[in-house]
Amino acid sequence: MINQDDIRQQVVDKIGIKSASLAVQEAVVSQVGENIMTRVVTAIHGILPEEKRAEFETLIGAGDVDALNAFLKPHVPNLDILVQQEAEKEIAAYKEEVAKQST
């Protein structure tokens, strides 16, 4: 799975908050990162067979990233691509929302 640091850097770079204070960066990264994870989990739910969804939820709750990745590998072979796509969608949505609020 894509590294959280990579996602953080993408958010900072693509939203254009490199020069913002660390507190602002962390707030934006936290908000956008949470939304990215929600998008990824929702997308995975749509891919997983119904009988595997409860186990997926259990693994998410356990917080064992290695076990979660091992579980997902046979069911979501392009997980990194999925995460990247959902990150790009959320970053675009965030930028659009900020632009709306600025006008």
PDB file of N, CA and C in Angstrom:
ATOM      1  N   MET A   1       0.852  -1.187   0.000  1.00  0.00           N
ATOM      2  CA  MET A   1       0.000   0.000   0.000  1.00  0.00           C
ATOM      3  C   MET A   1       0.888   1.238   0.000  1.00  0.00           C
ATOM      4  N   ILE A   2       0.368   2.312  -0.556  1.00  0.00           N
ATOM      5  CA  ILE A   2       1.122   3.558  -0.627  1.00  0.00           C
ATOM      6  C   ILE A   2       1.409   4.062   0.780  1.00  0.00           C
ATOM      7  N   ASN A   3       2.595   4.526   0.967  1.00  0.00           N
ATOM      8  CA  ASN A   3       3.069   5.035   2.245  1.00  0.00           C
ATOM      9  C   ASN A   3       2.321   6.312   2.627  1.00  0.00           C
ATOM     10  N   GLN A   4       1.993   6.437   3.912  1.00  0.00           N
ATOM     11  CA  GLN A   4       1.288   7.630   4.390  1.00  0.00           C
ATOM     12  C   GLN A   4       2.110   8.897   4.171  1.00  0.00           C
ATOM     13  N   ASP A   5       3.420   8.790   4.271  1.00  0.00           N
ATOM     14  CA  ASP A   5       4.275   9.954   4.026  1.00  0.00           C
ATOM     15  C   ASP A   5       4.166  10.417   2.576  1.00  0.00           C
ATOM     16  N   ASP A   6       4.025   9.451   1.658  1.00  0.00           N
ATOM     17  CA  ASP A   6       3.857   9.799   0.244  1.00  0.00           C
ATOM     18  C   ASP A   6       2.539  10.538   0.021  1.00  0.00           C
ATOM     19  N   ILE A   7       1.489  10.056   0.665  1.00  0.00           N
ATOM     20  CA  ILE A   7       0.183  10.715   0.556  1.00  0.00           C
ATOM     21  C   ILE A   7       0.275  12.119   1.132  1.00  0.00           C
ATOM     22  N   ARG A   8       0.916  12.244   2.283  1.00  0.00           N
ATOM     23  CA  ARG A   8       1.066  13.557   2.919  1.00  0.00           C
ATOM     24  C   ARG A   8       1.768  14.520   1.964  1.00  0.00           C
ATOM     25  N   GLN A   9       2.852  14.060   1.365  1.00  0.00           N
ATOM     26  CA  GLN A   9       3.615  14.917   0.459  1.00  0.00           C
ATOM     27  C   GLN A   9       2.786  15.309  -0.755  1.00  0.00           C
ATOM     28  N   GLN A  10       2.015  14.366  -1.274  1.00  0.00           N
ATOM     29  CA  GLN A  10       1.142  14.670  -2.409  1.00  0.00           C
ATOM     30  C   GLN A  10       0.127  15.746  -2.047  1.00  0.00           C
ATOM     31  N   VAL A  11      -0.475  15.609  -0.875  1.00  0.00           N
ATOM     32  CA  VAL A  11      -1.472  16.589  -0.436  1.00  0.00           C
ATOM     33  C   VAL A  11      -0.825  17.968  -0.337  1.00  0.00           C
ATOM     34  N   VAL A  12       0.315  18.041   0.329  1.00  0.00           N
ATOM     35  CA  VAL A  12       1.006  19.325   0.499  1.00  0.00           C
ATOM     36  C   VAL A  12       1.373  19.921  -0.860  1.00  0.00           C
ATOM     37  N   ASP A  13       1.933  19.109  -1.736  1.00  0.00           N
ATOM     38  CA  ASP A  13       2.377  19.596  -3.046  1.00  0.00           C
ATOM     39  C   ASP A  13       1.208  19.993  -3.947  1.00  0.00           C
ATOM     40  N   LYS A  14       0.231  19.109  -4.078  1.00  0.00           N
ATOM     41  CA  LYS A  14      -0.844  19.336  -5.045  1.00  0.00           C
ATOM     42  C   LYS A  14      -1.856  20.380  -4.591  1.00  0.00           C
ATOM     43  N   ILE A  15      -1.993  20.545  -3.288  1.00  0.00           N
ATOM     44  CA  ILE A  15      -2.897  21.581  -2.796  1.00  0.00           C
ATOM     45  C   ILE A  15      -2.160  22.916  -2.730  1.00  0.00           C
ATOM     46  N   GLY A  16      -0.840  22.849  -2.702  1.00  0.00           N
ATOM     47  CA  GLY A  16      -0.046  24.075  -2.738  1.00  0.00           C
ATOM     48  C   GLY A  16       0.091  24.750  -1.392  1.00  0.00           C
ATOM     49  N   ILE A  17       0.350  23.946  -0.355  1.00  0.00           N
ATOM     50  CA  ILE A  17       0.472  24.520   0.994  1.00  0.00           C
ATOM     51  C   ILE A  17       1.879  24.363   1.560  1.00  0.00           C
ATOM     52  N   LYS A  18       2.865  24.231   0.691  1.00  0.00           N
ATOM     53  CA  LYS A  18       4.253  24.085   1.151  1.00  0.00           C
ATOM     54  C   LYS A  18       4.697  25.248   2.023  1.00  0.00           C
ATOM     55  N   SER A  19       4.260  26.445   1.673  1.00  0.00           N
ATOM     56  CA  SER A  19       4.707  27.623   2.416  1.00  0.00           C
ATOM     57  C   SER A  19       3.829  27.923   3.634  1.00  0.00           C
ATOM     58  N   ALA A  20       2.773  27.164   3.814  1.00  0.00           N
ATOM     59  CA  ALA A  20       1.901  27.363   4.979  1.00  0.00           C
ATOM     60  C   ALA A  20       2.597  26.854   6.237  1.00  0.00           C
ATOM     61  N   SER A  21       2.114  27.304   7.371  1.00  0.00           N
ATOM     62  CA  SER A  21       2.691  26.848   8.638  1.00  0.00           C
ATOM     63  C   SER A  21       2.492  25.343   8.785  1.00  0.00           C
ATOM     64  N   LEU A  22       3.309  24.738   9.615  1.00  0.00           N
ATOM     65  CA  LEU A  22       3.201  23.304   9.858  1.00  0.00           C
ATOM     66  C   LEU A  22       1.822  22.959  10.407  1.00  0.00           C
ATOM     67  N   ALA A  23       1.272  23.820  11.259  1.00  0.00           N
ATOM     68  CA  ALA A  23      -0.056  23.575  11.836  1.00  0.00           C
ATOM     69  C   ALA A  23      -1.125  23.541  10.744  1.00  0.00           C
ATOM     70  N   VAL A  24      -1.036  24.464   9.799  1.00  0.00           N
ATOM     71  CA  VAL A  24      -1.998  24.493   8.693  1.00  0.00           C
ATOM     72  C   VAL A  24      -1.823  23.255   7.824  1.00  0.00           C
ATOM     73  N   GLN A  25      -0.578  22.921   7.521  1.00  0.00           N
ATOM     74  CA  GLN A  25      -0.314  21.724   6.722  1.00  0.00           C
ATOM     75  C   GLN A  25      -0.901  20.487   7.390  1.00  0.00           C
ATOM     76  N   GLU A  26      -0.653  20.336   8.682  1.00  0.00           N
ATOM     77  CA  GLU A  26      -1.146  19.158   9.401  1.00  0.00           C
ATOM     78  C   GLU A  26      -2.668  19.104   9.411  1.00  0.00           C
ATOM     79  N   ALA A  27      -3.314  20.254   9.579  1.00  0.00           N
ATOM     80  CA  ALA A  27      -4.779  20.285   9.589  1.00  0.00           C
ATOM     81  C   ALA A  27      -5.344  19.858   8.233  1.00  0.00           C
ATOM     82  N   VAL A  28      -4.765  20.391   7.163  1.00  0.00           N
ATOM     83  CA  VAL A  28      -5.238  20.051   5.821  1.00  0.00           C
ATOM     84  C   VAL A  28      -4.945  18.587   5.511  1.00  0.00           C
ATOM     85  N   VAL A  29      -3.739  18.147   5.816  1.00  0.00           N
ATOM     86  CA  VAL A  29      -3.356  16.755   5.553  1.00  0.00           C
ATOM     87  C   VAL A  29      -4.257  15.804   6.336  1.00  0.00           C
ATOM     88  N   SER A  30      -4.563  16.143   7.573  1.00  0.00           N
ATOM     89  CA  SER A  30      -5.432  15.298   8.389  1.00  0.00           C
ATOM     90  C   SER A  30      -6.819  15.186   7.768  1.00  0.00           C
ATOM     91  N   GLN A  31      -7.388  16.316   7.402  1.00  0.00           N
ATOM     92  CA  GLN A  31      -8.733  16.329   6.814  1.00  0.00           C
ATOM     93  C   GLN A  31      -8.766  15.578   5.485  1.00  0.00           C
ATOM     94  N   VAL A  32      -7.856  15.925   4.596  1.00  0.00           N
ATOM     95  CA  VAL A  32      -7.836  15.301   3.277  1.00  0.00           C
ATOM     96  C   VAL A  32      -7.470  13.820   3.397  1.00  0.00           C
ATOM     97  N   GLY A  33      -6.516  13.506   4.268  1.00  0.00           N
ATOM     98  CA  GLY A  33      -6.112  12.117   4.465  1.00  0.00           C
ATOM     99  C   GLY A  33      -7.253  11.245   4.958  1.00  0.00           C
ATOM    100  N   GLU A  34      -8.036  11.771   5.881  1.00  0.00           N
ATOM    101  CA  GLU A  34      -9.199  11.026   6.385  1.00  0.00           C
ATOM    102  C   GLU A  34     -10.199  10.778   5.256  1.00  0.00           C
ATOM    103  N   ASN A  35     -10.421  11.793   4.440  1.00  0.00           N
ATOM    104  CA  ASN A  35     -11.340  11.641   3.313  1.00  0.00           C
ATOM    105  C   ASN A  35     -10.812  10.646   2.281  1.00  0.00           C
ATOM    106  N   ILE A  36      -9.508  10.640   2.066  1.00  0.00           N
ATOM    107  CA  ILE A  36      -8.911   9.669   1.143  1.00  0.00           C
ATOM    108  C   ILE A  36      -9.146   8.261   1.668  1.00  0.00           C
ATOM    109  N   MET A  37      -8.910   8.058   2.958  1.00  0.00           N
ATOM    110  CA  MET A  37      -9.103   6.721   3.524  1.00  0.00           C
ATOM    111  C   MET A  37     -10.557   6.279   3.409  1.00  0.00           C
ATOM    112  N   THR A  38     -11.482   7.198   3.624  1.00  0.00           N
ATOM    113  CA  THR A  38     -12.901   6.868   3.473  1.00  0.00           C
ATOM    114  C   THR A  38     -13.195   6.448   2.041  1.00  0.00           C
ATOM    115  N   ARG A  39     -12.644   7.176   1.092  1.00  0.00           N
ATOM    116  CA  ARG A  39     -12.834   6.828  -0.319  1.00  0.00           C
ATOM    117  C   ARG A  39     -12.249   5.448  -0.632  1.00  0.00           C
ATOM    118  N   VAL A  40     -11.056   5.178  -0.116  1.00  0.00           N
ATOM    119  CA  VAL A  40     -10.396   3.896  -0.381  1.00  0.00           C
ATOM    120  C   VAL A  40     -11.202   2.748   0.218  1.00  0.00           C
ATOM    121  N   VAL A  41     -11.627   2.903   1.460  1.00  0.00           N
ATOM    122  CA  VAL A  41     -12.410   1.848   2.116  1.00  0.00           C
ATOM    123  C   VAL A  41     -13.710   1.604   1.350  1.00  0.00           C
ATOM    124  N   THR A  42     -14.366   2.670   0.929  1.00  0.00           N
ATOM    125  CA  THR A  42     -15.607   2.536   0.165  1.00  0.00           C
ATOM    126  C   THR A  42     -15.358   1.810  -1.155  1.00  0.00           C
ATOM    127  N   ALA A  43     -14.286   2.172  -1.838  1.00  0.00           N
ATOM    128  CA  ALA A  43     -13.950   1.514  -3.105  1.00  0.00           C
ATOM    129  C   ALA A  43     -13.646   0.035  -2.888  1.00  0.00           C
ATOM    130  N   ILE A  44     -12.906  -0.271  -1.835  1.00  0.00           N
ATOM    131  CA  ILE A  44     -12.574  -1.669  -1.546  1.00  0.00           C
ATOM    132  C   ILE A  44     -13.831  -2.458  -1.220  1.00  0.00           C
ATOM    133  N   HIS A  45     -14.749  -1.867  -0.471  1.00  0.00           N
ATOM    134  CA  HIS A  45     -16.020  -2.537  -0.180  1.00  0.00           C
ATOM    135  C   HIS A  45     -16.739  -2.920  -1.465  1.00  0.00           C
ATOM    136  N   GLY A  46     -16.651  -2.071  -2.467  1.00  0.00           N
ATOM    137  CA  GLY A  46     -17.295  -2.363  -3.737  1.00  0.00           C
ATOM    138  C   GLY A  46     -16.616  -3.465  -4.526  1.00  0.00           C
ATOM    139  N   ILE A  47     -15.361  -3.708  -4.231  1.00  0.00           N
ATOM    140  CA  ILE A  47     -14.577  -4.723  -4.939  1.00  0.00           C
ATOM    141  C   ILE A  47     -14.639  -6.077  -4.238  1.00  0.00           C
ATOM    142  N   LEU A  48     -14.573  -6.056  -2.912  1.00  0.00           N
ATOM    143  CA  LEU A  48     -14.521  -7.302  -2.143  1.00  0.00           C
ATOM    144  C   LEU A  48     -15.805  -8.108  -2.279  1.00  0.00           C
ATOM    145  N   PRO A  49     -15.668  -9.433  -2.301  1.00  0.00           N
ATOM    146  CA  PRO A  49     -16.866 -10.266  -2.212  1.00  0.00           C
ATOM    147  C   PRO A  49     -17.564  -9.988  -0.873  1.00  0.00           C
ATOM    148  N   GLU A  50     -18.864 -10.043  -0.871  1.00  0.00           N
ATOM    149  CA  GLU A  50     -19.632  -9.713   0.324  1.00  0.00           C
ATOM    150  C   GLU A  50     -19.178 -10.510   1.544  1.00  0.00           C
ATOM    151  N   GLU A  51     -18.842 -11.770   1.346  1.00  0.00           N
ATOM    152  CA  GLU A  51     -18.454 -12.620   2.480  1.00  0.00           C
ATOM    153  C   GLU A  51     -17.095 -12.240   3.075  1.00  0.00           C
ATOM    154  N   LYS A  52     -16.340 -11.388   2.416  1.00  0.00           N
ATOM    155  CA  LYS A  52     -15.025 -10.962   2.915  1.00  0.00           C
ATOM    156  C   LYS A  52     -15.064  -9.600   3.610  1.00  0.00           C
ATOM    157  N   ARG A  53     -16.181  -8.903   3.519  1.00  0.00           N
ATOM    158  CA  ARG A  53     -16.258  -7.537   4.044  1.00  0.00           C
ATOM    159  C   ARG A  53     -16.138  -7.462   5.560  1.00  0.00           C
ATOM    160  N   ALA A  54     -16.724  -8.407   6.275  1.00  0.00           N
ATOM    161  CA  ALA A  54     -16.639  -8.394   7.742  1.00  0.00           C
ATOM    162  C   ALA A  54     -15.191  -8.584   8.187  1.00  0.00           C
ATOM    163  N   GLU A  55     -14.489  -9.484   7.532  1.00  0.00           N
ATOM    164  CA  GLU A  55     -13.078  -9.708   7.860  1.00  0.00           C
ATOM    165  C   GLU A  55     -12.256  -8.451   7.562  1.00  0.00           C
ATOM    166  N   PHE A  56     -12.566  -7.788   6.477  1.00  0.00           N
ATOM    167  CA  PHE A  56     -11.903  -6.534   6.119  1.00  0.00           C
ATOM    168  C   PHE A  56     -12.101  -5.501   7.224  1.00  0.00           C
ATOM    169  N   GLU A  57     -13.323  -5.346   7.689  1.00  0.00           N
ATOM    170  CA  GLU A  57     -13.617  -4.391   8.763  1.00  0.00           C
ATOM    171  C   GLU A  57     -12.858  -4.746  10.042  1.00  0.00           C
ATOM    172  N   THR A  58     -12.786  -6.033  10.351  1.00  0.00           N
ATOM    173  CA  THR A  58     -12.048  -6.478  11.536  1.00  0.00           C
ATOM    174  C   THR A  58     -10.575  -6.118  11.420  1.00  0.00           C
ATOM    175  N   LEU A  59      -9.997  -6.342  10.263  1.00  0.00           N
ATOM    176  CA  LEU A  59      -8.581  -6.030  10.048  1.00  0.00           C
ATOM    177  C   LEU A  59      -8.325  -4.528  10.120  1.00  0.00           C
ATOM    178  N   ILE A  60      -9.245  -3.736   9.608  1.00  0.00           N
ATOM    179  CA  ILE A  60      -9.095  -2.284   9.716  1.00  0.00           C
ATOM    180  C   ILE A  60      -9.076  -1.884  11.183  1.00  0.00           C
ATOM    181  N   GLY A  61     -10.006  -2.436  11.949  1.00  0.00           N
ATOM    182  CA  GLY A  61     -10.095  -2.122  13.374  1.00  0.00           C
ATOM    183  C   GLY A  61      -8.875  -2.558  14.156  1.00  0.00           C
ATOM    184  N   ALA A  62      -8.248  -3.645  13.728  1.00  0.00           N
ATOM    185  CA  ALA A  62      -7.078  -4.167  14.435  1.00  0.00           C
ATOM    186  C   ALA A  62      -5.847  -3.302  14.197  1.00  0.00           C
ATOM    187  N   GLY A  63      -5.816  -2.601  13.076  1.00  0.00           N
ATOM    188  CA  GLY A  63      -4.691  -1.713  12.797  1.00  0.00           C
ATOM    189  C   GLY A  63      -3.414  -2.409  12.361  1.00  0.00           C
ATOM    190  N   ASP A  64      -3.499  -3.679  12.010  1.00  0.00           N
ATOM    191  CA  ASP A  64      -2.326  -4.431  11.559  1.00  0.00           C
ATOM    192  C   ASP A  64      -2.187  -4.257  10.045  1.00  0.00           C
ATOM    193  N   VAL A  65      -1.354  -3.328   9.643  1.00  0.00           N
ATOM    194  CA  VAL A  65      -1.215  -2.975   8.230  1.00  0.00           C
ATOM    195  C   VAL A  65      -0.724  -4.159   7.404  1.00  0.00           C
ATOM    196  N   ASP A  66       0.215  -4.929   7.946  1.00  0.00           N
ATOM    197  CA  ASP A  66       0.745  -6.078   7.202  1.00  0.00           C
ATOM    198  C   ASP A  66      -0.341  -7.121   6.948  1.00  0.00           C
ATOM    199  N   ALA A  67      -1.135  -7.414   7.977  1.00  0.00           N
ATOM    200  CA  ALA A  67      -2.224  -8.386   7.822  1.00  0.00           C
ATOM    201  C   ALA A  67      -3.269  -7.865   6.839  1.00  0.00           C
ATOM    202  N   LEU A  68      -3.563  -6.588   6.920  1.00  0.00           N
ATOM    203  CA  LEU A  68      -4.542  -5.983   6.016  1.00  0.00           C
ATOM    204  C   LEU A  68      -4.050  -6.059   4.570  1.00  0.00           C
ATOM    205  N   ASN A  69      -2.795  -5.731   4.341  1.00  0.00           N
ATOM    206  CA  ASN A  69      -2.235  -5.805   2.990  1.00  0.00           C
ATOM    207  C   ASN A  69      -2.242  -7.233   2.459  1.00  0.00           C
ATOM    208  N   ALA A  70      -1.897  -8.195   3.317  1.00  0.00           N
ATOM    209  CA  ALA A  70      -1.902  -9.600   2.902  1.00  0.00           C
ATOM    210  C   ALA A  70      -3.322 -10.047   2.540  1.00  0.00           C
ATOM    211  N   PHE A  71      -4.294  -9.600   3.311  1.00  0.00           N
ATOM    212  CA  PHE A  71      -5.690  -9.937   3.043  1.00  0.00           C
ATOM    213  C   PHE A  71      -6.157  -9.327   1.712  1.00  0.00           C
ATOM    214  N   LEU A  72      -5.790  -8.081   1.474  1.00  0.00           N
ATOM    215  CA  LEU A  72      -6.276  -7.374   0.290  1.00  0.00           C
ATOM    216  C   LEU A  72      -5.601  -7.808  -1.008  1.00  0.00           C
ATOM    217  N   LYS A  73      -4.359  -8.255  -0.920  1.00  0.00           N
ATOM    218  CA  LYS A  73      -3.575  -8.545  -2.128  1.00  0.00           C
ATOM    219  C   LYS A  73      -4.314  -9.427  -3.144  1.00  0.00           C
ATOM    220  N   PRO A  74      -4.910 -10.554  -2.741  1.00  0.00           N
ATOM    221  CA  PRO A  74      -5.589 -11.377  -3.753  1.00  0.00           C
ATOM    222  C   PRO A  74      -6.916 -10.787  -4.244  1.00  0.00           C
ATOM    223  N   HIS A  75      -7.502  -9.900  -3.469  1.00  0.00           N
ATOM    224  CA  HIS A  75      -8.816  -9.352  -3.816  1.00  0.00           C
ATOM    225  C   HIS A  75      -8.736  -8.005  -4.533  1.00  0.00           C
ATOM    226  N   VAL A  76      -7.686  -7.249  -4.245  1.00  0.00           N
ATOM    227  CA  VAL A  76      -7.507  -5.917  -4.841  1.00  0.00           C
ATOM    228  C   VAL A  76      -6.076  -5.861  -5.378  1.00  0.00           C
ATOM    229  N   PRO A  77      -5.841  -6.497  -6.527  1.00  0.00           N
ATOM    230  CA  PRO A  77      -4.468  -6.624  -7.022  1.00  0.00           C
ATOM    231  C   PRO A  77      -3.785  -5.293  -7.340  1.00  0.00           C
ATOM    232  N   ASN A  78      -4.542  -4.275  -7.657  1.00  0.00           N
ATOM    233  CA  ASN A  78      -3.962  -2.971  -7.989  1.00  0.00           C
ATOM    234  C   ASN A  78      -4.233  -1.968  -6.881  1.00  0.00           C
ATOM    235  N   LEU A  79      -3.989  -2.367  -5.649  1.00  0.00           N
ATOM    236  CA  LEU A  79      -4.309  -1.535  -4.493  1.00  0.00           C
ATOM    237  C   LEU A  79      -3.602  -0.187  -4.546  1.00  0.00           C
ATOM    238  N   ASP A  80      -2.330  -0.178  -4.897  1.00  0.00           N
ATOM    239  CA  ASP A  80      -1.592   1.089  -4.964  1.00  0.00           C
ATOM    240  C   ASP A  80      -2.218   2.047  -5.976  1.00  0.00           C
ATOM    241  N   ILE A  81      -2.642   1.507  -7.103  1.00  0.00           N
ATOM    242  CA  ILE A  81      -3.285   2.339  -8.124  1.00  0.00           C
ATOM    243  C   ILE A  81      -4.619   2.862  -7.604  1.00  0.00           C
ATOM    244  N   LEU A  82      -5.374   2.005  -6.942  1.00  0.00           N
ATOM    245  CA  LEU A  82      -6.654   2.418  -6.364  1.00  0.00           C
ATOM    246  C   LEU A  82      -6.455   3.553  -5.364  1.00  0.00           C
ATOM    247  N   VAL A  83      -5.489   3.401  -4.474  1.00  0.00           N
ATOM    248  CA  VAL A  83      -5.213   4.437  -3.471  1.00  0.00           C
ATOM    249  C   VAL A  83      -4.806   5.732  -4.164  1.00  0.00           C
ATOM    250  N   GLN A  84      -3.951   5.636  -5.161  1.00  0.00           N
ATOM    251  CA  GLN A  84      -3.505   6.824  -5.889  1.00  0.00           C
ATOM    252  C   GLN A  84      -4.675   7.525  -6.571  1.00  0.00           C
ATOM    253  N   GLN A  85      -5.542   6.754  -7.202  1.00  0.00           N
ATOM    254  CA  GLN A  85      -6.698   7.341  -7.886  1.00  0.00           C
ATOM    255  C   GLN A  85      -7.628   8.044  -6.900  1.00  0.00           C
ATOM    256  N   GLU A  86      -7.882   7.398  -5.764  1.00  0.00           N
ATOM    257  CA  GLU A  86      -8.774   7.996  -4.771  1.00  0.00           C
ATOM    258  C   GLU A  86      -8.134   9.234  -4.147  1.00  0.00           C
ATOM    259  N   ALA A  87      -6.823   9.206  -3.971  1.00  0.00           N
ATOM    260  CA  ALA A  87      -6.120  10.382  -3.444  1.00  0.00           C
ATOM    261  C   ALA A  87      -6.254  11.549  -4.420  1.00  0.00           C
ATOM    262  N   GLU A  88      -6.066  11.283  -5.693  1.00  0.00           N
ATOM    263  CA  GLU A  88      -6.178  12.337  -6.698  1.00  0.00           C
ATOM    264  C   GLU A  88      -7.591  12.910  -6.748  1.00  0.00           C
ATOM    265  N   LYS A  89      -8.593  12.040  -6.642  1.00  0.00           N
ATOM    266  CA  LYS A  89      -9.987  12.507  -6.637  1.00  0.00           C
ATOM    267  C   LYS A  89     -10.257  13.404  -5.434  1.00  0.00           C
ATOM    268  N   GLU A  90      -9.783  12.991  -4.278  1.00  0.00           N
ATOM    269  CA  GLU A  90     -10.044  13.770  -3.062  1.00  0.00           C
ATOM    270  C   GLU A  90      -9.293  15.093  -3.077  1.00  0.00           C
ATOM    271  N   ILE A  91      -8.072  15.082  -3.546  1.00  0.00           N
ATOM    272  CA  ILE A  91      -7.305  16.332  -3.638  1.00  0.00           C
ATOM    273  C   ILE A  91      -8.016  17.296  -4.588  1.00  0.00           C
ATOM    274  N   ALA A  92      -8.498  16.789  -5.716  1.00  0.00           N
ATOM    275  CA  ALA A  92      -9.233  17.638  -6.663  1.00  0.00           C
ATOM    276  C   ALA A  92     -10.516  18.174  -6.028  1.00  0.00           C
ATOM    277  N   ALA A  93     -11.228  17.328  -5.298  1.00  0.00           N
ATOM    278  CA  ALA A  93     -12.465  17.761  -4.634  1.00  0.00           C
ATOM    279  C   ALA A  93     -12.175  18.826  -3.586  1.00  0.00           C
ATOM    280  N   TYR A  94     -11.087  18.656  -2.841  1.00  0.00           N
ATOM    281  CA  TYR A  94     -10.715  19.637  -1.818  1.00  0.00           C
ATOM    282  C   TYR A  94     -10.386  20.978  -2.473  1.00  0.00           C
ATOM    283  N   LYS A  95      -9.594  20.933  -3.526  1.00  0.00           N
ATOM    284  CA  LYS A  95      -9.218  22.168  -4.221  1.00  0.00           C
ATOM    285  C   LYS A  95     -10.452  22.873  -4.785  1.00  0.00           C
ATOM    286  N   GLU A  96     -11.385  22.103  -5.312  1.00  0.00           N
ATOM    287  CA  GLU A  96     -12.622  22.673  -5.850  1.00  0.00           C
ATOM    288  C   GLU A  96     -13.437  23.339  -4.737  1.00  0.00           C
ATOM    289  N   GLU A  97     -13.519  22.685  -3.592  1.00  0.00           N
ATOM    290  CA  GLU A  97     -14.261  23.245  -2.458  1.00  0.00           C
ATOM    291  C   GLU A  97     -13.613  24.535  -1.961  1.00  0.00           C
ATOM    292  N   VAL A  98     -12.304  24.549  -1.873  1.00  0.00           N
ATOM    293  CA  VAL A  98     -11.592  25.759  -1.443  1.00  0.00           C
ATOM    294  C   VAL A  98     -11.827  26.888  -2.447  1.00  0.00           C
ATOM    295  N   ALA A  99     -11.797  26.560  -3.734  1.00  0.00           N
ATOM    296  CA  ALA A  99     -12.027  27.572  -4.769  1.00  0.00           C
ATOM    297  C   ALA A  99     -13.442  28.151  -4.659  1.00  0.00           C
ATOM    298  N   LYS A 100     -14.423  27.305  -4.376  1.00  0.00           N
ATOM    299  CA  LYS A 100     -15.805  27.772  -4.214  1.00  0.00           C
ATOM    300  C   LYS A 100     -15.918  28.733  -3.037  1.00  0.00           C
ATOM    301  N   GLN A 101     -15.233  28.396  -1.948  1.00  0.00           N
ATOM    302  CA  GLN A 101     -15.304  29.223  -0.746  1.00  0.00           C
ATOM    303  C   GLN A 101     -14.581  30.551  -0.932  1.00  0.00           C
ATOM    304  N   SER A 102     -13.652  30.596  -1.864  1.00  0.00           N
ATOM    305  CA  SER A 102     -12.873  31.816  -2.110  1.00  0.00           C
ATOM    306  C   SER A 102     -13.620  32.825  -2.971  1.00  0.00           C
ATOM    307  N   THR A 103     -14.694  32.369  -3.613  1.00  0.00           N
ATOM    308  CA  THR A 103     -15.412  33.277  -4.519  1.00  0.00           C
ATOM    309  C   THR A 103     -16.643  33.862  -3.886  1.00  0.00           C
TER     310      THR A 103
END
